């Protein structure tokens, strides 16, 4: 799954809607897609931990637990409870978190 497709899938899961494909501008969640709406470029989910933190808020409690488990699988730390592995989980990159987010929502494509 290429990076741009990952970014779009995460944005759509978070409520963003395409405003103008010509300008690649998106309407933020909660904004109406109209001619005069506020349109923005998508957040840089694969490089911005703050953007992934915001994305994680749409998961809810049950999916957050699944997300944590899948993130450990992405990082290959799910088989141990080693403190070093837990450190890696806490410090996962935005890209690793994006992959786990998409897998949690069954939106990941190989």
Protein backbone atom coordinates (compact mmCIF):
# COMPACT_ATOMS: atom_id res chain seq x y z
CA UNK A 1 0.00 0.00 0.00
CA UNK A 2 1.67 3.25 -1.06
CA UNK A 3 2.06 6.17 1.33
CA UNK A 4 -0.48 8.46 -0.34
CA UNK A 5 -3.14 5.75 -0.31
CA UNK A 6 -2.43 5.12 3.38
CA UNK A 7 -2.80 8.82 4.09
CA UNK A 8 -6.11 9.02 2.23
CA UNK A 9 -7.54 5.92 3.93
CA UNK A 10 -6.65 7.27 7.38
CA UNK A 11 -8.16 10.67 6.56
CA UNK A 12 -11.39 9.11 5.32
CA UNK A 13 -11.61 6.97 8.47
CA UNK A 14 -11.23 10.18 10.49
CA UNK A 15 -14.06 11.92 8.63
CA UNK A 16 -12.18 13.97 6.02
CA UNK A 17 -13.95 14.34 2.66
CA UNK A 18 -12.47 15.28 -0.69
CA UNK A 19 -13.33 18.89 -1.56
CA UNK A 20 -11.40 19.36 -4.79
CA UNK A 21 -9.51 16.58 -6.53
CA UNK A 22 -7.93 19.18 -8.82
CA UNK A 23 -6.31 21.03 -5.90
CA UNK A 24 -6.16 17.92 -3.68
CA UNK A 25 -7.97 19.81 -0.93
CA UNK A 26 -10.04 18.09 1.72
CA UNK A 27 -12.86 19.24 3.98
CA UNK A 28 -11.96 18.72 7.62
CA UNK A 29 -14.19 16.52 9.80
CA UNK A 30 -17.37 18.35 10.75
CA UNK A 31 -17.17 20.77 7.83
CA UNK A 32 -19.74 20.69 5.05
CA UNK A 33 -18.31 20.06 1.59
CA UNK A 34 -19.51 23.14 -0.25
CA UNK A 35 -18.03 25.75 -2.51
CA UNK A 36 -17.22 28.06 0.39
CA UNK A 37 -16.11 25.50 2.97
CA UNK A 38 -12.73 25.56 4.63
CA UNK A 39 -10.56 23.18 2.64
CA UNK A 40 -7.14 21.95 3.67
CA UNK A 41 -4.41 19.58 2.63
CA UNK A 42 -4.56 16.29 4.52
CA UNK A 43 -2.55 15.83 7.71
CA UNK A 44 0.79 14.10 7.21
CA UNK A 45 -0.21 10.97 9.13
CA UNK A 46 2.87 8.95 8.17
CA UNK A 47 5.33 11.53 9.51
CA UNK A 48 3.42 13.41 12.22
CA UNK A 49 2.87 11.77 15.61
CA UNK A 50 0.36 14.49 16.55
CA UNK A 51 -1.74 13.64 13.49
CA UNK A 52 -1.69 9.95 14.40
CA UNK A 53 -2.65 10.80 17.98
CA UNK A 54 -5.71 12.63 16.63
CA UNK A 55 -6.51 9.72 14.30
CA UNK A 56 -6.36 7.31 17.22
CA UNK A 57 -9.24 9.16 18.89
CA UNK A 58 -11.72 7.73 16.36
CA UNK A 59 -11.00 4.13 17.40
CA UNK A 60 -12.99 3.99 20.62
CA UNK A 61 -12.11 1.82 23.62
CA UNK A 62 -12.53 -1.64 22.05
CA UNK A 63 -10.60 -0.82 18.90
CA UNK A 64 -7.89 0.97 20.88
CA UNK A 65 -7.07 -2.33 22.56
CA UNK A 66 -6.92 -4.04 19.16
CA UNK A 67 -4.77 -1.19 17.85
CA UNK A 68 -2.25 -1.66 20.68
CA UNK A 69 -2.06 -5.40 19.98
CA UNK A 70 -1.66 -4.86 16.22
CA UNK A 71 0.98 -2.16 16.78
CA UNK A 72 2.98 -4.71 18.78
CA UNK A 73 2.65 -7.11 15.82
CA UNK A 74 3.83 -4.43 13.38
CA UNK A 75 6.84 -3.82 15.61
CA UNK A 76 7.34 -7.57 16.13
CA UNK A 77 7.19 -7.14 19.90
CA UNK A 78 3.94 -9.01 20.57
CA UNK A 79 5.54 -12.25 21.73
CA UNK A 80 7.31 -10.86 24.81
CA UNK A 81 6.70 -8.61 27.75
CA UNK A 82 10.31 -7.46 27.76
CA UNK A 83 10.78 -3.88 28.96
CA UNK A 84 12.89 -3.04 25.89
CA UNK A 85 10.04 -4.18 23.63
CA UNK A 86 7.56 -2.06 25.56
CA UNK A 87 9.88 0.91 25.07
CA UNK A 88 9.77 0.27 21.31
CA UNK A 89 5.96 0.14 21.38
CA UNK A 90 5.72 3.46 23.20
CA UNK A 91 8.15 5.08 20.78
CA UNK A 92 6.64 3.73 17.55
CA UNK A 93 6.98 6.05 14.58
CA UNK A 94 4.03 7.75 12.95
CA UNK A 95 4.41 5.42 9.97
CA UNK A 96 4.29 2.32 12.18
CA UNK A 97 1.24 3.69 13.97
CA UNK A 98 -0.43 4.44 10.63
CA UNK A 99 0.05 0.84 9.50
CA UNK A 100 -1.39 -0.48 12.77
CA UNK A 101 -4.32 1.97 12.55
CA UNK A 102 -5.21 0.81 9.05
CA UNK A 103 -4.87 -2.86 10.00
CA UNK A 104 -7.10 -2.29 13.04
CA UNK A 105 -9.84 -0.95 10.76
CA UNK A 106 -9.23 -3.64 8.09
CA UNK A 107 -8.21 -0.96 5.59
CA UNK A 108 -4.62 -2.15 5.04
CA UNK A 109 -3.77 -3.52 1.60
CA UNK A 110 -0.61 -5.53 0.94
